[in-house]
Amino acid sequence: MYLPNYTVTNSILTYIGKIEAAKALIENSPLIPSWEKDFVKDAQIRTVHYSTHLEGNLLEFPEVKKIIEGYEDEVIAFDRDVYEVLNYREIVKFIEKLFEKAKSSENKKYSSDMLDLELILKIHRILSRKILKEGRRGAIRTKNADLISSKHFKKVLVFPKVTEIMPNLTGFLEWVASKNGRETHPVLKAGIAHYELTRIHPFDDQNGRTARALSTLILYLDGYNIKSFFSLDEHFDKNPMDYYNHLAIVQEDKGDLTKWLEYFSKALAIELMCIKEKVLRLSKDAKLKGAVGQVALNERQEKIVNYIQDFGFINNSKWKKMFSDYSDDTILRDLQDLMKKKVVKKVGKTKSARYVLR
């Protein structure tokens, strides 16, 4: 059985701590459904674009966005580039479906330890549609190979021989399902899977994408889908040589995964901290959580609620200073709407009235 070799360093612990903190805040912050949909859509587009761009796809972000939204006829590009984008879009959907199935399963133990060879082959079949010949989709490679960075034409990894592929895959999957695999933190397990599938390089093509998709799937199945808001691939594509060098350094370190796992956990921490900041801005530093939950507010109403959170109440003299460009009638309509939504209540009468949170 495969057994990963690494040390849990202080850096890894720090990054995982940041990941856990960001995860908790993102999952518990109040966002109205339309905002959540925007986050998910943005993450999907970023994942598709940057994972394919990392390995040489020539399409730019706006073109990928058009293809994902169903306007591929408006994009002038090589067929292969378009199919790579369409295929990765299907992988994103496939991961979401597997996650929803796992979440609704009566088997509460459904997690990444249930991964098997057929699932890996299926991921590859989806990714290689109209890219490889039909007989090579989801088929183990029959020739020896090296990893070449498509952007820099540099040999990065030396892969196992053809006769070693199945024993390596079997050993890896046995570890995932083992006690050691089940007890490994999901972030580390995803990073290990990312590297190991890249190292084994079981297919003729689409290995990197298969490895990144499997890594994301493991995070999802082990409870780290984080509302489907994140995309690791953008971080990798921003500095592709850094990504490939961290993959290569494992072989240089005689199989020690520590530096790769530091890089991988840092990448996820950076991504989630960026998402956290976006969520905080949208939820007004999370002040609206206790007051409004999922209630939709306009910009003025958000300012009113934030002011009350900070100072305990708002009255006529205060909102005149805050909203000098608006009439009293406009602000009073906003307040009436907030009372109707049971966010605030009125204390007192006439001009001396104050509005406080319910």
Protein backbone atom coordinates (compact mmCIF):
# COMPACT_ATOMS: atom_id res chain seq x y z
CA MET A 1 0.00 0.00 0.00
CA TYR A 2 1.17 3.52 -0.79
CA LEU A 3 2.05 5.62 2.27
CA PRO A 4 2.69 9.34 1.77
CA ASN A 5 5.89 10.75 3.24
CA TYR A 6 5.63 14.25 4.71
CA THR A 7 6.04 16.29 7.88
CA VAL A 8 3.28 18.49 9.29
CA THR A 9 5.29 21.68 9.69
CA ASN A 10 4.37 24.87 11.53
CA SER A 11 3.69 26.46 8.15
CA ILE A 12 1.19 23.75 7.22
CA LEU A 13 -0.53 24.10 10.61
CA THR A 14 -0.70 27.88 10.14
CA TYR A 15 -2.22 27.59 6.66
CA ILE A 16 -4.74 24.98 7.78
CA GLY A 17 -5.70 27.24 10.69
CA LYS A 18 -6.35 30.09 8.25
CA ILE A 19 -8.32 27.72 6.01
CA GLU A 20 -10.50 26.58 8.92
CA ALA A 21 -11.14 30.15 10.07
CA ALA A 22 -12.04 31.35 6.57
CA LYS A 23 -14.20 28.27 5.98
CA ALA A 24 -16.19 28.90 9.17
CA LEU A 25 -16.77 32.54 8.35
CA ILE A 26 -17.74 31.92 4.72
CA GLU A 27 -20.15 29.14 5.62
CA ASN A 28 -21.84 31.17 8.36
CA SER A 29 -21.93 34.63 6.80
CA PRO A 30 -25.31 35.99 5.67
CA LEU A 31 -25.56 36.25 1.90
CA ILE A 32 -28.77 36.49 -0.05
CA PRO A 33 -29.24 33.63 -2.58
CA SER A 34 -28.50 35.78 -5.63
CA TRP A 35 -25.10 36.74 -4.22
CA GLU A 36 -24.30 33.11 -3.44
CA LYS A 37 -25.14 32.18 -7.03
CA ASP A 38 -22.76 34.88 -8.26
CA PHE A 39 -19.95 33.49 -6.08
CA VAL A 40 -20.55 29.95 -7.36
CA LYS A 41 -20.70 31.07 -10.99
CA ASP A 42 -17.50 33.10 -10.64
CA ALA A 43 -15.67 30.15 -9.04
CA GLN A 44 -16.82 27.82 -11.82
CA ILE A 45 -15.63 30.14 -14.57
CA ARG A 46 -12.30 30.73 -12.84
CA THR A 47 -11.77 27.00 -12.32
CA VAL A 48 -12.50 26.17 -15.96
CA HIS A 49 -10.40 29.00 -17.37
CA TYR A 50 -7.34 28.73 -15.16
CA SER A 51 -7.13 24.93 -15.11
CA THR A 52 -7.18 24.78 -18.91
CA HIS A 53 -5.03 27.91 -19.38
CA LEU A 54 -2.40 26.43 -17.05
CA GLU A 55 -1.72 23.73 -19.63
CA GLY A 56 -1.67 25.89 -22.71
CA ASN A 57 -5.29 26.66 -23.62
CA LEU A 58 -5.25 29.90 -25.61
CA LEU A 59 -8.70 31.22 -24.72
CA GLU A 60 -8.96 34.37 -22.61
CA PHE A 61 -11.22 34.71 -19.58
CA PRO A 62 -14.06 36.59 -21.38
CA GLU A 63 -14.09 33.94 -24.12
CA VAL A 64 -14.28 31.13 -21.56
CA LYS A 65 -17.13 32.97 -19.84
CA LYS A 66 -19.04 33.13 -23.12
CA ILE A 67 -18.55 29.42 -23.77
CA ILE A 68 -19.68 28.44 -20.27
CA GLU A 69 -22.77 30.61 -20.65
CA GLY A 70 -23.67 28.87 -23.90
CA TYR A 71 -22.40 31.41 -26.42
CA GLU A 72 -19.55 29.35 -27.90
CA ASP A 73 -20.74 30.32 -31.41
CA GLU A 74 -19.51 33.85 -30.68
CA VAL A 75 -15.98 32.64 -29.90
CA ILE A 76 -13.47 32.19 -32.73
CA ALA A 77 -10.95 29.60 -31.55
CA PHE A 78 -9.36 26.23 -32.24
CA ASP A 79 -11.78 23.35 -31.68
CA ARG A 80 -9.49 21.74 -29.11
CA ASP A 81 -9.43 24.88 -26.96
CA VAL A 82 -13.22 25.07 -27.01
CA TYR A 83 -13.66 21.37 -26.20
CA GLU A 84 -11.20 21.62 -23.32
CA VAL A 85 -13.32 24.39 -21.80
CA LEU A 86 -16.59 22.56 -22.41
CA ASN A 87 -15.18 19.37 -20.94
CA TYR A 88 -13.92 21.06 -17.80
CA ARG A 89 -17.29 22.75 -17.40
CA GLU A 90 -18.81 19.25 -17.39
CA ILE A 91 -16.28 18.13 -14.76
CA VAL A 92 -17.31 21.02 -12.50
CA LYS A 93 -20.94 19.94 -12.87
CA PHE A 94 -19.97 16.30 -12.30
CA ILE A 95 -18.20 17.17 -9.03
CA GLU A 96 -21.21 19.17 -7.87
CA LYS A 97 -23.55 16.25 -8.64
CA LEU A 98 -21.35 13.79 -6.78
CA PHE A 99 -21.23 16.16 -3.82
CA GLU A 100 -25.01 16.58 -3.76
CA LYS A 101 -25.42 12.80 -3.99
CA ALA A 102 -23.00 12.31 -1.12
CA LYS A 103 -24.73 14.98 0.96
CA SER A 104 -28.15 13.41 0.50
CA SER A 105 -26.94 9.83 0.93
CA GLU A 106 -28.27 7.86 3.88
CA ASN A 107 -24.75 6.50 4.24
CA LYS A 108 -23.25 9.18 6.49
CA LYS A 109 -19.79 7.72 5.92
CA TYR A 110 -19.86 8.69 2.25
CA SER A 111 -16.59 10.55 1.75
CA SER A 112 -13.37 10.52 -0.26
CA ASP A 113 -12.40 7.06 1.06
CA MET A 114 -15.01 5.69 -1.35
CA LEU A 115 -13.05 6.83 -4.41
CA ASP A 116 -12.18 4.06 -6.82
CA LEU A 117 -10.45 3.50 -10.15
CA GLU A 118 -13.67 3.71 -12.14
CA LEU A 119 -14.32 7.22 -10.81
CA ILE A 120 -10.85 8.37 -11.89
CA LEU A 121 -11.38 6.82 -15.32
CA LYS A 122 -14.77 8.52 -15.61
CA ILE A 123 -13.25 11.92 -14.79
CA HIS A 124 -10.71 11.35 -17.54
CA ARG A 125 -13.38 10.25 -20.03
CA ILE A 126 -15.26 13.48 -19.47
CA LEU A 127 -12.12 15.62 -19.78
CA SER A 128 -10.90 13.93 -22.97
CA ARG A 129 -14.15 14.07 -24.97
CA LYS A 130 -13.26 15.05 -28.56
CA ILE A 131 -9.66 15.52 -27.42
CA LEU A 132 -8.45 11.91 -27.53
CA LYS A 133 -9.53 9.06 -29.75
CA GLU A 134 -12.49 7.19 -28.32
CA GLY A 135 -10.43 4.16 -27.38
CA ARG A 136 -7.98 6.27 -25.37
CA ARG A 137 -10.57 8.04 -23.23
CA GLY A 138 -10.44 6.63 -19.70
CA ALA A 139 -7.71 4.22 -20.83
CA ILE A 140 -4.36 3.69 -19.11
CA ARG A 141 -1.41 4.88 -21.22
CA THR A 142 0.64 2.31 -23.08
CA LYS A 143 3.84 4.34 -23.52
CA ASN A 144 6.39 5.78 -21.13
CA ALA A 145 6.26 9.55 -20.64
CA ASP A 146 7.73 12.66 -18.96
CA LEU A 147 5.87 15.78 -17.83
CA ILE A 148 6.66 18.80 -19.96
CA SER A 149 5.43 22.27 -19.01
CA SER A 150 3.50 23.27 -22.13
CA LYS A 151 4.27 26.94 -21.52
CA HIS A 152 7.98 26.57 -20.87
CA PHE A 153 8.95 23.26 -22.52
CA LYS A 154 10.76 22.11 -19.40
CA LYS A 155 10.87 18.52 -18.19
CA VAL A 156 9.24 18.57 -14.75
CA LEU A 157 8.60 14.97 -13.69
CA VAL A 158 9.68 11.49 -14.67
CA PHE A 159 6.71 9.14 -14.48
CA PRO A 160 6.39 5.44 -13.60
CA LYS A 161 6.80 2.95 -16.40
CA VAL A 162 3.69 1.54 -18.05
CA THR A 163 3.97 -1.70 -16.05
CA GLU A 164 4.02 0.29 -12.79
CA ILE A 165 0.88 2.36 -13.40
CA MET A 166 -1.78 -0.03 -12.10
CA PRO A 167 0.20 -1.09 -9.00
CA ASN A 168 0.74 2.61 -8.21
CA LEU A 169 -2.94 3.49 -8.69
CA THR A 170 -4.05 0.50 -6.63
CA GLY A 171 -1.67 1.38 -3.80
CA PHE A 172 -2.83 5.01 -3.79
CA LEU A 173 -6.53 4.06 -3.68
CA GLU A 174 -5.88 1.55 -0.91
CA TRP A 175 -4.28 4.32 1.12
CA VAL A 176 -7.23 6.69 0.52
CA ALA A 177 -9.60 4.03 1.90
CA SER A 178 -7.29 3.03 4.77
CA LYS A 179 -7.44 4.23 8.38
CA ASN A 180 -4.42 6.43 7.72
CA GLY A 181 -6.08 7.95 4.64
CA ARG A 182 -9.39 8.52 6.39
CA GLU A 183 -7.67 10.25 9.31
CA THR A 184 -5.56 12.53 7.12
CA HIS A 185 -6.81 16.13 7.09
CA PRO A 186 -8.87 16.74 3.92
CA VAL A 187 -6.60 19.57 2.76
CA LEU A 188 -3.52 17.36 3.02
CA LYS A 189 -5.36 14.42 1.47
CA ALA A 190 -6.41 16.57 -1.49
CA GLY A 191 -2.84 17.81 -1.92
CA ILE A 192 -1.45 14.29 -1.73
CA ALA A 193 -3.97 13.08 -4.33
CA HIS A 194 -3.13 16.02 -6.58
CA TYR A 195 0.55 15.17 -6.53
CA GLU A 196 0.26 11.39 -6.64
CA LEU A 197 -2.06 11.28 -9.65
CA THR A 198 0.18 13.79 -11.42
CA ARG A 199 3.21 11.63 -10.60
CA ILE A 200 1.58 8.39 -11.77
CA HIS A 201 0.44 10.11 -14.97
CA PRO A 202 -1.86 7.23 -15.92
CA PHE A 203 -3.24 8.66 -19.19
CA ASP A 204 -2.01 9.80 -22.59
CA ASP A 205 -3.24 13.35 -21.97
CA GLN A 206 -5.33 15.45 -19.54
CA ASN A 207 -3.44 14.12 -16.50
CA GLY A 208 -2.96 17.48 -14.80
CA ARG A 209 -6.61 18.37 -15.18
CA THR A 210 -7.65 14.94 -13.92
CA ALA A 211 -5.41 15.37 -10.87
CA ARG A 212 -6.78 18.85 -10.08
CA ALA A 213 -10.37 17.67 -10.54
CA LEU A 214 -9.78 14.69 -8.24
CA SER A 215 -8.19 16.97 -5.65
CA THR A 216 -11.22 19.28 -5.72
CA LEU A 217 -13.57 16.31 -5.49
CA ILE A 218 -11.78 15.05 -2.36
CA LEU A 219 -12.17 18.46 -0.71
CA TYR A 220 -15.89 18.44 -1.55
CA LEU A 221 -16.56 14.91 -0.35
CA ASP A 222 -14.70 15.48 2.90
CA GLY A 223 -16.72 18.56 3.81
CA TYR A 224 -14.64 21.31 2.24
CA ASN A 225 -16.82 22.40 -0.66
CA ILE A 226 -17.18 25.75 1.20
CA LYS A 227 -20.37 26.70 -0.65
CA SER A 228 -18.57 25.99 -3.97
CA PHE A 229 -17.08 29.50 -3.75
CA PHE A 230 -13.39 28.71 -4.30
CA SER A 231 -11.05 27.97 -7.20
CA LEU A 232 -7.50 26.78 -6.55
CA ASP A 233 -6.60 26.72 -10.22
CA GLU A 234 -6.30 30.51 -10.49
CA HIS A 235 -3.50 30.48 -7.92
CA PHE A 236 -1.63 27.76 -9.83
CA ASP A 237 -1.97 29.56 -13.17
CA LYS A 238 -0.76 32.92 -11.84
CA ASN A 239 2.73 31.45 -11.50
CA PRO A 240 2.84 28.20 -13.46
CA MET A 241 6.57 27.65 -13.01
CA ASP A 242 6.12 27.88 -9.25
CA TYR A 243 3.39 25.26 -9.52
CA TYR A 244 5.45 22.90 -11.67
CA ASN A 245 8.58 23.44 -9.58
CA HIS A 246 6.74 22.47 -6.40
CA LEU A 247 5.52 19.31 -8.11
CA ALA A 248 9.05 18.53 -9.27
CA ILE A 249 10.69 19.18 -5.91
CA VAL A 250 9.04 16.09 -4.43
CA GLN A 251 11.16 13.86 -6.65
CA GLU A 252 14.22 15.96 -5.83
CA ASP A 253 13.45 15.40 -2.12
CA LYS A 254 13.20 11.64 -2.68
CA GLY A 255 9.42 11.52 -2.36
CA ASP A 256 9.05 13.90 0.59
CA LEU A 257 5.78 15.80 0.04
CA THR A 258 6.32 18.43 2.73
CA LYS A 259 7.24 21.39 0.48
CA TRP A 260 4.47 20.54 -1.98
CA LEU A 261 1.89 20.34 0.83
CA GLU A 262 3.09 23.66 2.23
CA TYR A 263 2.59 25.18 -1.22
CA PHE A 264 -0.81 23.51 -1.72
CA SER A 265 -2.20 24.46 1.70
CA LYS A 266 -0.90 28.01 1.29
CA ALA A 267 -2.64 28.28 -2.09
CA LEU A 268 -5.96 27.20 -0.58
CA ALA A 269 -5.48 29.53 2.40
CA ILE A 270 -4.83 32.51 0.09
CA GLU A 271 -7.87 31.70 -2.04
CA LEU A 272 -10.19 31.30 0.93
CA MET A 273 -8.92 34.43 2.64
CA CYS A 274 -9.68 36.40 -0.54
CA ILE A 275 -13.16 34.88 -0.66
CA LYS A 276 -13.61 35.66 3.03
CA GLU A 277 -12.83 39.33 2.45
CA LYS A 278 -15.33 39.49 -0.42
CA VAL A 279 -17.97 37.84 1.74
CA LEU A 280 -17.24 40.22 4.61
CA ARG A 281 -17.66 43.21 2.34
CA LEU A 282 -20.96 41.90 1.06
CA SER A 283 -22.25 41.02 4.51
CA LYS A 284 -20.98 44.32 5.95
CA ASP A 285 -18.41 42.76 8.23
CA ALA A 286 -21.01 40.15 9.19
CA LYS A 287 -22.94 42.73 11.19
CA LEU A 288 -26.17 41.92 9.37
CA LYS A 289 -26.17 38.23 10.36
CA GLY A 290 -28.04 38.56 13.63
CA ALA A 291 -30.21 41.40 12.41
CA VAL A 292 -31.38 40.41 8.96
CA GLY A 293 -30.21 36.90 8.08
CA GLN A 294 -31.17 36.32 4.43
CA VAL A 295 -33.39 39.44 4.04
CA ALA A 296 -32.60 41.51 0.95
CA LEU A 297 -31.84 45.18 1.72
CA ASN A 298 -31.10 48.16 -0.46
CA GLU A 299 -27.91 50.17 0.06
CA ARG A 300 -29.54 52.79 2.30
CA GLN A 301 -31.14 50.14 4.47
CA GLU A 302 -27.81 48.38 4.90
CA LYS A 303 -26.27 51.66 6.08
CA ILE A 304 -29.15 52.17 8.49
CA VAL A 305 -28.78 48.71 10.00
CA ASN A 306 -25.00 49.08 10.28
CA TYR A 307 -25.44 52.45 12.00
CA ILE A 308 -27.88 50.97 14.50
CA GLN A 309 -25.48 48.09 15.12
CA ASP A 310 -22.73 50.59 15.93
CA PHE A 311 -24.68 53.21 17.89
CA GLY A 312 -27.80 51.45 19.15
CA PHE A 313 -30.42 53.55 17.37
CA ILE A 314 -31.06 56.00 14.56
CA ASN A 315 -33.37 59.02 14.53
CA ASN A 316 -34.38 61.91 12.31
CA SER A 317 -31.34 64.09 13.00
CA LYS A 318 -28.92 61.22 12.36
CA TRP A 319 -30.32 60.08 9.04
CA LYS A 320 -30.47 63.68 7.76
CA LYS A 321 -26.66 63.79 8.06
CA MET A 322 -26.20 60.30 6.60
CA PHE A 323 -28.55 60.77 3.65
CA SER A 324 -28.43 64.47 2.84
CA ASP A 325 -29.24 63.73 -0.82
CA TYR A 326 -32.52 61.98 0.04
CA SER A 327 -35.81 63.31 1.36
CA ASP A 328 -37.25 62.34 4.76
CA ASP A 329 -40.07 60.54 2.96
CA THR A 330 -37.57 58.27 1.17
CA ILE A 331 -35.81 57.32 4.41
CA LEU A 332 -39.09 56.82 6.22
CA ARG A 333 -40.20 54.42 3.46
CA ASP A 334 -36.95 52.50 3.96
CA LEU A 335 -37.61 52.35 7.70
CA GLN A 336 -41.22 51.27 7.18
CA ASP A 337 -39.95 48.47 4.94
CA LEU A 338 -37.42 47.42 7.60
CA MET A 339 -40.20 47.33 10.20
CA LYS A 340 -42.35 45.26 7.83
CA LYS A 341 -39.45 42.82 7.44
CA LYS A 342 -39.12 42.74 11.24
CA VAL A 343 -35.56 44.02 11.18
CA VAL A 344 -36.16 47.23 13.20
CA LYS A 345 -38.85 48.61 15.45
CA LYS A 346 -39.94 52.14 16.28
CA VAL A 347 -39.61 53.50 19.82
CA GLY A 348 -41.47 56.71 20.66
CA LYS A 349 -43.61 58.97 18.52
CA THR A 350 -43.35 61.90 16.11
CA LYS A 351 -39.97 63.60 15.61
CA SER A 352 -38.48 62.19 18.83
CA ALA A 353 -38.96 58.61 17.60
CA ARG A 354 -35.97 56.28 17.49
CA TYR A 355 -35.49 53.14 15.46
CA VAL A 356 -33.71 50.19 17.04
CA LEU A 357 -33.08 46.59 15.99
CA ARG A 358 -35.77 44.11 16.94
